[in-house]
C-alpha atoms as a PDB file:
ATOM      1  CA  MET A   1      18.118 -11.604 -45.755  1.00  0.00           C
ATOM      2  CA  LYS A   2      16.171 -12.272 -48.908  1.00  0.00           C
ATOM      3  CA  VAL A   3      12.804 -10.939 -50.072  1.00  0.00           C
ATOM      4  CA  GLU A   4      10.318 -13.766 -50.618  1.00  0.00           C
ATOM      5  CA  GLU A   5       6.644 -14.052 -51.578  1.00  0.00           C
ATOM      6  CA  HIS A   6       6.594 -10.648 -53.293  1.00  0.00           C
ATOM      7  CA  SER A   7       3.136  -9.465 -54.399  1.00  0.00           C
ATOM      8  CA  GLU A   8       1.980  -6.225 -56.001  1.00  0.00           C
ATOM      9  CA  ARG A   9      -1.580  -5.238 -56.862  1.00  0.00           C
ATOM     10  CA  LYS A  10      -3.711  -2.173 -57.461  1.00  0.00           C
ATOM     11  CA  ILE A  11      -6.788  -1.641 -55.318  1.00  0.00           C
ATOM     12  CA  ASP A  12      -9.387   1.091 -54.917  1.00  0.00           C
ATOM     13  CA  ILE A  13      -9.828   2.736 -51.521  1.00  0.00           C
ATOM     14  CA  ASP A  14     -12.810   5.087 -51.372  1.00  0.00           C
ATOM     15  CA  GLY A  15     -12.355   6.076 -55.017  1.00  0.00           C
ATOM     16  CA  TRP A  16      -8.569   6.497 -54.823  1.00  0.00           C
ATOM     17  CA  PRO A  17      -6.265   4.128 -56.749  1.00  0.00           C
ATOM     18  CA  VAL A  18      -3.708   2.580 -54.392  1.00  0.00           C
ATOM     19  CA  ASN A  19      -0.774   0.300 -55.179  1.00  0.00           C
ATOM     20  CA  LEU A  20      -0.295  -2.375 -52.503  1.00  0.00           C
ATOM     21  CA  THR A  21       3.094  -4.113 -52.341  1.00  0.00           C
ATOM     22  CA  SER A  22       3.750  -6.906 -49.860  1.00  0.00           C
ATOM     23  CA  TYR A  23       6.616  -9.311 -49.273  1.00  0.00           C
ATOM     24  CA  ARG A  24       8.212 -11.474 -46.603  1.00  0.00           C
ATOM     25  CA  ILE A  25      11.669 -11.020 -45.099  1.00  0.00           C
ATOM     26  CA  GLY A  26      12.501 -13.760 -42.639  1.00  0.00           C
ATOM     27  CA  GLU A  27       9.398 -14.432 -40.561  1.00  0.00           C
ATOM     28  CA  THR A  28       7.852 -10.971 -41.002  1.00  0.00           C
ATOM     29  CA  PHE A  29       5.591  -9.713 -43.767  1.00  0.00           C
ATOM     30  CA  HIS A  30       5.991  -6.092 -44.889  1.00  0.00           C
ATOM     31  CA  CYS A  31       3.443  -4.057 -46.813  1.00  0.00           C
ATOM     32  CA  LYS A  32       3.548  -0.638 -48.454  1.00  0.00           C
ATOM     33  CA  ALA A  33       0.521   1.270 -49.725  1.00  0.00           C
ATOM     34  CA  ASP A  34       1.170   4.146 -52.108  1.00  0.00           C
ATOM     35  CA  ASN A  35      -0.936   6.560 -54.084  1.00  0.00           C
ATOM     36  CA  VAL A  36      -0.624   5.408 -57.699  1.00  0.00           C
ATOM     37  CA  SER A  37      -0.224   8.991 -58.883  1.00  0.00           C
ATOM     38  CA  PRO A  38       2.148  10.599 -57.812  1.00  0.00           C
ATOM     39  CA  GLY A  39       3.379   7.470 -56.006  1.00  0.00           C
ATOM     40  CA  ALA A  40       3.635   8.925 -52.508  1.00  0.00           C
ATOM     41  CA  ALA A  41       3.930   6.314 -49.763  1.00  0.00           C
ATOM     42  CA  LEU A  42       0.820   6.311 -47.595  1.00  0.00           C
ATOM     43  CA  ALA A  43       1.664   3.493 -45.201  1.00  0.00           C
ATOM     44  CA  ARG A  44       4.392   0.993 -44.394  1.00  0.00           C
ATOM     45  CA  THR A  45       3.377  -1.805 -42.057  1.00  0.00           C
ATOM     46  CA  THR A  46       4.492  -5.212 -40.821  1.00  0.00           C
ATOM     47  CA  GLY A  47       2.651  -8.276 -39.604  1.00  0.00           C
ATOM     48  CA  ALA A  48       2.991 -11.952 -38.811  1.00  0.00           C
ATOM     49  CA  THR A  49       0.956 -12.798 -41.937  1.00  0.00           C
ATOM     50  CA  ARG A  50       0.500 -11.156 -45.327  1.00  0.00           C
ATOM     51  CA  GLN A  51      -3.171 -10.520 -44.514  1.00  0.00           C
ATOM     52  CA  GLU A  52      -2.340  -8.779 -41.241  1.00  0.00           C
ATOM     53  CA  ALA A  53       0.274  -6.520 -42.864  1.00  0.00           C
ATOM     54  CA  GLU A  54      -2.045  -5.655 -45.792  1.00  0.00           C
ATOM     55  CA  ASP A  55      -5.021  -4.984 -43.512  1.00  0.00           C
ATOM     56  CA  LYS A  56      -2.947  -2.544 -41.432  1.00  0.00           C
ATOM     57  CA  ALA A  57      -1.667  -0.755 -44.554  1.00  0.00           C
ATOM     58  CA  ILE A  58      -5.170  -0.491 -46.043  1.00  0.00           C
ATOM     59  CA  ALA A  59      -6.594   0.865 -42.781  1.00  0.00           C
ATOM     60  CA  ARG A  60      -3.857   3.516 -42.528  1.00  0.00           C
ATOM     61  CA  ALA A  61      -4.196   4.484 -46.199  1.00  0.00           C
ATOM     62  CA  ARG A  62      -7.980   4.774 -45.808  1.00  0.00           C
ATOM     63  CA  GLU A  63      -7.498   7.024 -42.765  1.00  0.00           C
ATOM     64  CA  LEU A  64      -5.093   9.328 -44.637  1.00  0.00           C
ATOM     65  CA  LEU A  65      -7.083   9.430 -47.870  1.00  0.00           C
ATOM     66  CA  SER A  66     -10.310  10.241 -46.009  1.00  0.00           C
ATOM     67  CA  ARG A  67      -8.670  13.524 -44.929  1.00  0.00           C
ATOM     68  CA  THR A  68      -7.742  14.476 -48.487  1.00  0.00           C
ATOM     69  CA  LYS A  69      -9.972  17.048 -50.121  1.00  0.00           C
ATOM     70  CA  ARG A  70     -10.930  16.565 -53.752  1.00  0.00           C
ATOM     71  CA  ARG A  71     -11.332  19.478 -56.100  1.00  0.00           C
ATOM     72  CA  GLU A  72     -14.266  19.389 -58.463  1.00  0.00           C
ATOM     73  CA  PRO A  73     -13.311  20.400 -62.022  1.00  0.00           C
END
């Protein structure tokens, strides 16, 4: 199988920078959301369309990041 329609972009989720990578393998779109620094994977999802896969990844990343406590300098 071959990766097609690869896309990578940086987005902001509730003040956190997130790298969103999506691509199609066969008939299924895959999406990975990771924290830009240190690059930890937050979510890996699939969907019938790119939008569906990205929406699921963003929702999961938002859920995880909302639990993260920020330290004030």
